[in-house]
Amino acid sequence: MSGDTWTGVAVASVIAAYALGSRRLAPTPVSSAMVFVGFGVLLGPAALDVVDLQRHTGPILSLMEAALALVLFTDAMAVRPRDLRSGGFLPARLLGIGLPLTIGAGWLLAWPLLPGLTVWELALVAAVLAPTDAALGKTAVSSPRIPPLVRRGLHVESGLNDGMVLPFFLLFLAAVPGTSAAEEGVAGVFWRSLVLSAALGLLVGGGGGRLLRAAQARGWVSQEWEQLFVPAVAAASYLPAVLVDGSGFIAAWVAGFGFGAALRRYRATGPASGGAVPDGRERTADFTEHLGGLLASISLLVFGAVLLGPVLDELSWRAVGYAVLSLTVVRMLPVAVALTGSGLRPPTTAYVGWFGPRGLASVVLGLLVVEEQVPGTETLGEVVAVTVALSVLLHGVTAFPLAGRYGRWHARSTASGRELREGAPVPESPQRRIDAR
């Protein structure tokens, strides 16, 4: 068999093995991310050399870009306006104050720790490591012990900050000499990647949602094909933006908002009595979420093979030091500043600050920078690899015990009669299924 065939067999075997034991591993500290990253290191050049970036550059980039596009689309699709109105002060503070401060803090701390990088390369490090991925600490954001306001806030933050980081990433990349984005210039990137791509995404996503809504109202579409329609819209939003040299990721993210808004309008005024969702269609994006989760897991395996494995033999203390600071100071201090005056207690601030895992978005954006082959990308790739690997390990291991400890603190405080803003009622709404990832 050829090398590509062995690669496919190896990846399929890992997926099948984890699937067979997934329920047994669910209550343990061993997360799916740990399993896939670990097997990735084993299958990479550092060990068995089955998966290699040099041999599989095209398929690897296509896989990871597809995974991120689907996750961006479904994340945005799941966000509802009431998520930002009811208890929305938490994600609003985390995104409006915490995210820019996180990028700024990551930029400043990279300066002394990563010498040799230019000012814009340092900014890229900060932007790549700013988005969070709730799937890496799923217990921490899904445990019923955690107050709904905190769960919802972390869900919404994770669902939006990867898309909000993209403009920073693209503009910083355009400022680095030698990159493909630099050839177009900051103004060109702003026009094509931000304005034009967002417009295309809104047009495709909103139009696709209205078409599905009309087909649902007339009973034309079966539930099976309704599920398949969603990734088709995600792809249809991503590809036109790429064709005009824009950002397919921004287009997919904006399309998710437009698609979700159009569907919710149908569900509120649909033919079912009382505005109920007809035919069990409250989970239109189920298939897309599972597909995105599968691609994200494979992407973590590839990350272990092509980014993490090669740097393990020559780890620098600077990369490790920055990774530790990125997961602690760079995340937790901006969160503390953002939540000042919010009425949330210190245990909640610490909990929210710690559970900002780095995952798929950081991996994909980091790999895109590495592929640019400009000076400094080797250092950036090492820092991203170490930070994501530490996040997979530390956030996965601490999710269950810290969720239990924080939940017990909240239960004791509530039982003692103390009024906690954390305990404010928040209307339930469907959340994207992070367990698939």
Protein backbone atom coordinates (compact mmCIF):
# COMPACT_ATOMS: atom_id res chain seq x y z
CA MET A 1 0.00 0.00 0.00
CA SER A 2 1.10 3.58 -0.64
CA GLY A 3 2.00 6.02 2.12
CA ASP A 4 -1.27 7.90 1.67
CA THR A 5 -3.23 4.68 2.09
CA TRP A 6 -1.42 3.88 5.33
CA THR A 7 -2.16 7.40 6.55
CA GLY A 8 -5.86 6.93 5.88
CA VAL A 9 -5.88 3.54 7.60
CA ALA A 10 -4.09 4.94 10.65
CA VAL A 11 -6.43 7.92 11.04
CA ALA A 12 -9.55 5.78 10.54
CA SER A 13 -8.27 3.29 13.12
CA VAL A 14 -7.78 5.99 15.73
CA ILE A 15 -11.29 7.33 15.13
CA ALA A 16 -12.81 3.86 15.36
CA ALA A 17 -10.86 2.98 18.51
CA TYR A 18 -11.92 6.14 20.30
CA ALA A 19 -15.54 5.73 19.20
CA LEU A 20 -15.67 2.24 20.70
CA GLY A 21 -14.40 3.46 24.07
CA SER A 22 -15.85 6.97 24.10
CA ARG A 23 -18.57 6.30 26.67
CA ARG A 24 -16.11 4.59 29.02
CA LEU A 25 -13.70 7.54 28.79
CA ALA A 26 -16.38 10.24 29.16
CA PRO A 27 -16.37 10.39 33.00
CA THR A 28 -12.55 10.22 33.22
CA PRO A 29 -10.00 13.05 32.95
CA VAL A 30 -8.92 11.61 29.59
CA SER A 31 -10.56 13.85 26.99
CA SER A 32 -10.99 13.14 23.30
CA ALA A 33 -8.53 15.95 22.59
CA MET A 34 -5.83 14.20 24.64
CA VAL A 35 -6.40 10.94 22.79
CA PHE A 36 -6.23 12.46 19.31
CA VAL A 37 -3.26 14.71 20.04
CA GLY A 38 -1.41 11.81 21.65
CA PHE A 39 -2.02 9.50 18.71
CA GLY A 40 -1.03 12.34 16.40
CA VAL A 41 2.39 12.58 18.01
CA LEU A 42 2.72 8.80 17.66
CA LEU A 43 1.79 8.86 13.97
CA GLY A 44 3.96 11.86 13.11
CA PRO A 45 7.60 12.20 12.04
CA ALA A 46 8.73 12.05 15.67
CA ALA A 47 7.67 8.38 15.90
CA LEU A 48 6.04 6.29 13.13
CA ASP A 49 6.23 8.98 10.41
CA VAL A 50 2.85 8.07 8.94
CA VAL A 51 1.53 11.67 8.83
CA ASP A 52 3.91 14.35 7.59
CA LEU A 53 3.32 18.00 6.68
CA GLN A 54 5.76 17.93 3.76
CA ARG A 55 4.00 14.99 2.08
CA HIS A 56 0.42 15.95 2.88
CA THR A 57 0.40 19.75 2.90
CA GLY A 58 -2.64 20.19 0.64
CA PRO A 59 -4.96 17.65 2.27
CA ILE A 60 -3.93 18.76 5.78
CA LEU A 61 -4.69 22.42 5.14
CA SER A 62 -7.97 21.58 3.39
CA LEU A 63 -9.05 19.36 6.30
CA MET A 64 -8.26 21.95 8.95
CA GLU A 65 -9.82 24.82 7.04
CA ALA A 66 -13.01 22.79 6.50
CA ALA A 67 -13.14 21.96 10.21
CA LEU A 68 -12.75 25.57 11.29
CA ALA A 69 -15.25 26.84 8.71
CA LEU A 70 -17.91 24.39 9.90
CA VAL A 71 -17.27 25.18 13.56
CA LEU A 72 -17.41 28.93 12.89
CA PHE A 73 -20.69 28.51 11.00
CA THR A 74 -22.42 26.35 13.61
CA ASP A 75 -21.09 28.44 16.51
CA ALA A 76 -22.53 31.60 15.01
CA MET A 77 -25.75 29.83 14.03
CA ALA A 78 -26.31 28.78 17.65
CA VAL A 79 -25.95 32.27 19.15
CA ARG A 80 -29.29 33.91 19.85
CA PRO A 81 -29.92 37.59 20.60
CA ARG A 82 -31.36 36.64 24.00
CA ASP A 83 -28.01 35.04 24.88
CA LEU A 84 -26.60 38.56 24.90
CA ARG A 85 -29.66 40.17 26.51
CA SER A 86 -30.38 37.77 29.37
CA GLY A 87 -27.22 37.42 31.41
CA GLY A 88 -25.39 38.78 28.41
CA PHE A 89 -23.24 41.08 30.48
CA LEU A 90 -20.82 38.17 31.00
CA PRO A 91 -20.04 37.31 27.34
CA ALA A 92 -20.28 41.02 26.44
CA ARG A 93 -17.58 41.86 28.98
CA LEU A 94 -15.45 38.86 28.02
CA LEU A 95 -15.64 39.70 24.32
CA GLY A 96 -15.77 43.49 24.36
CA ILE A 97 -13.15 44.07 27.09
CA GLY A 98 -11.42 40.79 27.81
CA LEU A 99 -10.62 39.76 24.23
CA PRO A 100 -8.83 42.98 23.15
CA LEU A 101 -6.96 43.04 26.46
CA THR A 102 -5.94 39.40 25.95
CA ILE A 103 -4.50 40.21 22.54
CA GLY A 104 -2.72 43.24 23.97
CA ALA A 105 -1.32 41.33 26.96
CA GLY A 106 -0.16 38.48 24.74
CA TRP A 107 1.54 40.98 22.44
CA LEU A 108 3.38 42.74 25.28
CA LEU A 109 4.50 39.57 27.08
CA ALA A 110 5.78 38.06 23.83
CA TRP A 111 8.17 40.98 23.41
CA PRO A 112 10.75 40.00 26.08
CA LEU A 113 10.20 36.24 25.80
CA LEU A 114 10.38 35.79 22.03
CA PRO A 115 13.32 37.86 20.77
CA GLY A 116 13.94 37.86 17.05
CA LEU A 117 10.31 38.35 16.09
CA THR A 118 9.16 41.62 14.59
CA VAL A 119 6.45 43.67 16.24
CA TRP A 120 3.78 42.34 13.86
CA GLU A 121 4.94 38.75 14.25
CA LEU A 122 4.58 39.19 18.00
CA ALA A 123 1.09 40.53 17.39
CA LEU A 124 0.32 37.41 15.33
CA VAL A 125 1.36 35.20 18.24
CA ALA A 126 -1.08 37.05 20.48
CA ALA A 127 -3.95 36.90 17.97
CA VAL A 128 -3.47 33.22 17.15
CA LEU A 129 -3.60 32.27 20.85
CA ALA A 130 -6.49 34.56 21.84
CA PRO A 131 -9.57 32.48 20.81
CA THR A 132 -10.89 29.85 23.22
CA ASP A 133 -12.36 26.41 22.56
CA ALA A 134 -14.92 25.22 25.10
CA ALA A 135 -14.72 21.66 23.76
CA LEU A 136 -11.32 21.13 25.42
CA GLY A 137 -12.87 21.53 28.87
CA LYS A 138 -16.41 20.41 28.15
CA THR A 139 -17.18 19.39 31.75
CA ALA A 140 -16.29 22.88 32.90
CA VAL A 141 -18.91 24.47 30.65
CA SER A 142 -21.60 21.80 30.63
CA SER A 143 -21.77 20.45 34.19
CA PRO A 144 -25.21 21.05 35.74
CA ARG A 145 -23.40 22.08 38.93
CA ILE A 146 -22.22 25.24 37.23
CA PRO A 147 -24.66 28.19 37.36
CA PRO A 148 -26.47 28.64 34.03
CA LEU A 149 -25.21 32.22 33.72
CA VAL A 150 -21.58 31.04 33.84
CA ARG A 151 -22.19 28.08 31.53
CA ARG A 152 -23.96 30.29 29.01
CA GLY A 153 -21.31 32.99 29.23
CA LEU A 154 -18.47 30.57 28.49
CA HIS A 155 -20.45 28.94 25.66
CA VAL A 156 -21.21 32.25 23.98
CA GLU A 157 -17.67 33.55 24.45
CA SER A 158 -16.18 30.43 22.89
CA GLY A 159 -18.70 30.56 20.06
CA LEU A 160 -17.90 34.15 19.12
CA ASN A 161 -14.31 34.98 19.98
CA ASP A 162 -12.74 32.81 17.26
CA GLY A 163 -14.66 34.80 14.64
CA MET A 164 -13.91 38.11 16.35
CA VAL A 165 -10.18 37.36 16.34
CA LEU A 166 -10.09 36.87 12.56
CA PRO A 167 -9.97 40.61 11.64
CA PHE A 168 -7.03 41.13 14.03
CA PHE A 169 -5.27 38.07 12.60
CA LEU A 170 -5.72 39.12 8.97
CA LEU A 171 -4.63 42.72 9.54
CA PHE A 172 -1.57 41.65 11.55
CA LEU A 173 -0.67 39.13 8.83
CA ALA A 174 -0.97 41.84 6.18
CA ALA A 175 1.51 43.96 8.14
CA VAL A 176 4.19 41.22 8.14
CA PRO A 177 6.51 41.64 5.12
CA GLY A 178 6.76 38.61 2.89
CA THR A 179 3.30 37.16 3.50
CA SER A 180 0.73 36.76 0.76
CA ALA A 181 -1.54 39.17 2.61
CA ALA A 182 1.22 41.79 2.70
CA GLU A 183 1.33 41.84 -1.10
CA GLU A 184 -2.26 43.03 -1.14
CA GLY A 185 -1.72 45.56 1.62
CA VAL A 186 -3.72 46.35 4.73
CA ALA A 187 -6.34 48.32 2.78
CA GLY A 188 -6.87 45.49 0.31
CA VAL A 189 -7.16 42.92 3.09
CA PHE A 190 -9.64 45.13 4.92
CA TRP A 191 -11.81 45.48 1.82
CA ARG A 192 -11.70 41.89 0.54
CA SER A 193 -11.38 39.89 3.75
CA LEU A 194 -13.55 41.94 6.06
CA VAL A 195 -16.08 43.95 4.06
CA LEU A 196 -16.61 41.86 0.91
CA SER A 197 -16.34 38.49 2.65
CA ALA A 198 -18.79 39.52 5.36
CA ALA A 199 -21.25 40.76 2.74
CA LEU A 200 -21.00 37.51 0.79
CA GLY A 201 -21.45 35.48 3.96
CA LEU A 202 -24.52 37.44 5.01
CA LEU A 203 -26.03 37.12 1.53
CA VAL A 204 -25.47 33.36 1.29
CA GLY A 205 -26.32 32.56 4.92
CA GLY A 206 -29.40 34.74 5.10
CA GLY A 207 -30.59 33.59 1.69
CA GLY A 208 -29.99 29.94 2.52
CA GLY A 209 -31.89 30.26 5.77
CA ARG A 210 -34.85 31.85 4.03
CA LEU A 211 -34.91 29.15 1.36
CA LEU A 212 -34.89 26.42 4.00
CA ARG A 213 -37.53 28.25 5.98
CA ALA A 214 -39.78 28.44 2.91
CA ALA A 215 -39.24 24.75 2.11
CA GLN A 216 -40.04 23.81 5.73
CA ALA A 217 -43.22 25.87 5.70
CA ARG A 218 -44.45 24.07 2.57
CA GLY A 219 -43.38 20.63 3.74
CA TRP A 220 -41.02 20.20 0.78
CA VAL A 221 -37.87 19.16 2.62
CA SER A 222 -37.30 15.92 4.51
CA GLN A 223 -35.48 15.97 7.83
CA GLU A 224 -32.55 14.03 6.37
CA TRP A 225 -31.95 16.50 3.56
CA GLU A 226 -32.61 19.40 5.87
CA GLN A 227 -29.57 18.24 7.86
CA LEU A 228 -27.46 18.01 4.69
CA PHE A 229 -28.55 21.46 3.55
CA VAL A 230 -26.69 23.13 6.44
CA PRO A 231 -23.11 22.12 5.50
CA ALA A 232 -23.96 22.94 1.89
CA VAL A 233 -24.76 26.52 2.92
CA ALA A 234 -21.57 26.68 5.00
CA ALA A 235 -19.52 25.58 1.98
CA ALA A 236 -21.43 27.94 -0.31
CA SER A 237 -20.53 30.85 1.95
CA TYR A 238 -16.87 29.88 2.35
CA LEU A 239 -15.92 29.21 -1.27
CA PRO A 240 -17.06 32.48 -2.95
CA ALA A 241 -15.02 34.49 -0.43
CA VAL A 242 -11.95 32.40 -1.29
CA LEU A 243 -12.57 32.93 -5.02
CA VAL A 244 -12.43 36.73 -4.57
CA ASP A 245 -9.26 36.41 -2.44
CA GLY A 246 -11.18 37.24 0.71
CA SER A 247 -11.56 35.32 3.97
CA GLY A 248 -13.68 32.21 3.77
CA PHE A 249 -13.61 31.97 7.57
CA ILE A 250 -15.18 35.40 8.05
CA ALA A 251 -17.75 34.62 5.36
CA ALA A 252 -18.69 31.32 7.06
CA TRP A 253 -18.92 33.00 10.47
CA VAL A 254 -21.20 35.80 9.25
CA ALA A 255 -23.23 33.30 7.21
CA GLY A 256 -23.92 31.34 10.39
CA PHE A 257 -25.50 34.41 11.97
CA GLY A 258 -27.66 35.07 8.94
CA PHE A 259 -28.71 31.43 8.57
CA GLY A 260 -29.60 31.03 12.25
CA ALA A 261 -31.57 34.29 12.35
CA ALA A 262 -33.63 33.26 9.31
CA LEU A 263 -34.45 29.85 10.77
CA ARG A 264 -35.45 31.27 14.16
CA ARG A 265 -37.87 33.60 12.43
CA TYR A 266 -39.57 30.56 10.88
CA ARG A 267 -39.68 28.71 14.18
CA ALA A 268 -41.34 31.66 15.85
CA THR A 269 -44.02 31.99 13.16
CA GLY A 270 -44.15 28.46 11.75
CA PRO A 271 -47.28 26.47 11.05
CA ALA A 272 -47.16 24.51 14.31
CA SER A 273 -49.58 25.68 16.97
CA GLY A 274 -48.14 27.95 19.61
CA GLY A 275 -45.06 28.66 17.50
CA ALA A 276 -43.62 25.20 18.25
CA VAL A 277 -40.97 23.77 15.96
CA PRO A 278 -42.61 21.32 13.56
CA ASP A 279 -41.38 17.80 12.86
CA GLY A 280 -38.68 17.84 15.54
CA ARG A 281 -36.59 20.34 13.63
CA GLU A 282 -35.16 22.10 16.66
CA ARG A 283 -31.76 20.51 15.88
CA THR A 284 -31.33 21.38 12.22
CA ALA A 285 -27.54 21.58 12.55
CA ASP A 286 -27.04 18.21 14.29
CA PHE A 287 -25.29 16.57 11.35
CA THR A 288 -23.11 19.62 10.69
CA GLU A 289 -22.09 19.83 14.35
CA HIS A 290 -21.13 16.15 14.40
CA LEU A 291 -19.26 16.49 11.11
CA GLY A 292 -17.44 19.58 12.37
CA GLY A 293 -16.63 17.73 15.59
CA LEU A 294 -15.19 14.80 13.66
CA LEU A 295 -13.06 17.07 11.47
CA ALA A 296 -11.93 19.00 14.55
CA SER A 297 -10.81 15.77 16.24
CA ILE A 298 -8.90 14.71 13.13
CA SER A 299 -7.36 18.19 13.04
CA LEU A 300 -6.09 17.72 16.59
CA LEU A 301 -4.54 14.42 15.52
CA VAL A 302 -2.84 16.18 12.62
CA PHE A 303 -1.74 18.94 15.00
CA GLY A 304 -0.03 16.38 17.19
CA ALA A 305 1.74 14.92 14.17
CA VAL A 306 2.88 17.95 12.20
CA LEU A 307 3.19 20.75 14.79
CA LEU A 308 3.63 19.27 18.26
CA GLY A 309 5.67 16.14 17.58
CA PRO A 310 8.53 17.84 15.69
CA VAL A 311 9.09 20.47 18.44
CA LEU A 312 9.14 18.09 21.41
CA ASP A 313 12.80 17.17 20.93
CA GLU A 314 14.00 20.77 20.97
CA LEU A 315 11.69 22.63 23.33
CA SER A 316 12.95 26.04 24.37
CA TRP A 317 12.29 27.45 27.80
CA ARG A 318 11.04 30.64 26.15
CA ALA A 319 8.27 28.80 24.30
CA VAL A 320 7.25 26.88 27.42
CA GLY A 321 7.37 30.03 29.53
CA TYR A 322 5.20 31.96 27.10
CA ALA A 323 2.76 29.05 26.87
CA VAL A 324 2.33 29.01 30.66
CA LEU A 325 1.84 32.78 30.76
CA SER A 326 -0.62 32.60 27.85
CA LEU A 327 -2.84 30.15 29.74
CA THR A 328 -2.64 32.10 33.01
CA VAL A 329 -1.68 35.78 33.07
CA VAL A 330 -2.60 36.58 29.47
CA ARG A 331 -6.07 35.06 29.91
CA MET A 332 -6.88 35.49 33.59
CA LEU A 333 -5.78 39.08 34.15
CA PRO A 334 -7.87 40.52 31.27
CA VAL A 335 -10.86 38.46 32.48
CA ALA A 336 -10.43 39.90 35.98
CA VAL A 337 -10.31 43.42 34.55
CA ALA A 338 -13.33 42.75 32.31
CA LEU A 339 -15.42 41.46 35.22
CA THR A 340 -14.50 44.24 37.65
CA GLY A 341 -17.73 45.83 38.88
CA SER A 342 -19.88 43.02 37.47
CA GLY A 343 -20.96 41.76 40.88
CA LEU A 344 -19.49 38.31 40.27
CA ARG A 345 -17.55 36.79 43.18
CA PRO A 346 -13.79 36.03 43.03
CA PRO A 347 -14.30 32.23 42.67
CA THR A 348 -16.40 32.87 39.55
CA THR A 349 -13.83 35.27 38.10
CA ALA A 350 -11.07 32.72 38.71
CA TYR A 351 -13.14 29.91 37.21
CA VAL A 352 -14.05 31.85 34.08
CA GLY A 353 -10.47 33.09 33.75
CA TRP A 354 -8.93 29.64 33.94
CA PHE A 355 -11.29 27.93 31.53
CA GLY A 356 -10.19 29.62 28.35
CA PRO A 357 -8.74 26.58 26.51
CA ARG A 358 -6.86 27.03 23.24
CA GLY A 359 -7.87 24.64 20.51
CA LEU A 360 -8.91 24.34 16.88
CA ALA A 361 -8.84 28.03 15.90
CA SER A 362 -5.32 28.49 17.29
CA VAL A 363 -4.11 25.34 15.52
CA VAL A 364 -5.52 26.34 12.12
CA LEU A 365 -4.40 29.97 12.30
CA GLY A 366 -0.97 28.92 13.52
CA LEU A 367 -0.58 26.43 10.69
CA LEU A 368 -1.61 29.08 8.15
CA VAL A 369 1.15 31.36 9.44
CA VAL A 370 3.71 28.54 9.38
CA GLU A 371 2.78 27.86 5.75
CA GLU A 372 3.68 31.46 4.85
CA GLN A 373 7.37 30.54 5.38
CA VAL A 374 8.42 34.00 6.59
CA PRO A 375 11.14 34.64 9.20
CA GLY A 376 9.85 33.97 12.69
CA THR A 377 7.21 31.39 11.78
CA GLU A 378 9.30 28.56 13.20
CA THR A 379 9.23 30.23 16.61
CA LEU A 380 5.53 31.02 16.26
CA GLY A 381 4.76 27.43 15.34
CA GLU A 382 6.65 26.17 18.38
CA VAL A 383 4.84 28.56 20.74
CA VAL A 384 1.41 27.66 19.33
CA ALA A 385 2.17 23.93 19.51
CA VAL A 386 3.32 24.06 23.13
CA THR A 387 0.45 26.33 24.25
CA VAL A 388 -2.29 24.22 22.67
CA ALA A 389 -0.70 21.00 23.95
CA LEU A 390 -0.52 22.35 27.51
CA SER A 391 -4.10 23.55 27.22
CA VAL A 392 -5.31 20.15 26.02
CA LEU A 393 -3.60 18.51 28.99
CA LEU A 394 -4.24 21.00 31.79
CA HIS A 395 -7.77 22.07 30.93
CA GLY A 396 -8.78 18.49 30.23
CA VAL A 397 -7.40 17.20 33.53
CA THR A 398 -8.77 20.04 35.66
CA ALA A 399 -12.23 20.32 34.09
CA PHE A 400 -13.95 17.70 36.24
CA PRO A 401 -12.39 18.47 39.67
CA LEU A 402 -12.61 22.25 39.33
CA ALA A 403 -16.19 22.10 38.04
CA GLY A 404 -17.08 20.02 41.11
CA ARG A 405 -15.26 22.34 43.49
CA TYR A 406 -16.78 25.48 42.00
CA GLY A 407 -20.22 23.86 41.93
CA ARG A 408 -19.94 22.97 45.63
CA TRP A 409 -18.91 26.54 46.47
CA HIS A 410 -21.93 27.90 44.61
CA ALA A 411 -24.29 25.41 46.27
CA ARG A 412 -22.98 26.24 49.76
CA SER A 413 -23.17 29.99 49.14
CA THR A 414 -26.71 29.72 47.82
CA ALA A 415 -27.79 27.51 50.73
CA SER A 416 -26.42 30.03 53.22
CA GLY A 417 -28.80 32.66 51.88
CA ARG A 418 -26.19 34.81 50.15
CA GLU A 419 -27.44 36.59 47.05
CA LEU A 420 -25.19 35.74 44.15
CA ARG A 421 -25.36 37.31 40.75
CA GLU A 422 -23.98 34.04 39.45
CA GLY A 423 -27.26 32.41 40.46
CA ALA A 424 -29.48 34.76 38.49
CA PRO A 425 -31.97 32.75 36.38
CA VAL A 426 -31.13 32.54 32.70
CA PRO A 427 -33.70 31.18 30.22
CA GLU A 428 -32.47 27.97 28.64
CA SER A 429 -31.72 27.88 24.95
CA PRO A 430 -30.15 25.19 22.79
CA GLN A 431 -26.37 25.16 22.87
CA ARG A 432 -24.09 23.63 20.31
CA ARG A 433 -23.02 20.13 21.22
CA ILE A 434 -19.42 20.36 22.34
CA ASP A 435 -19.36 16.69 23.32
CA ALA A 436 -18.89 15.81 19.65
CA ARG A 437 -15.55 17.55 19.78
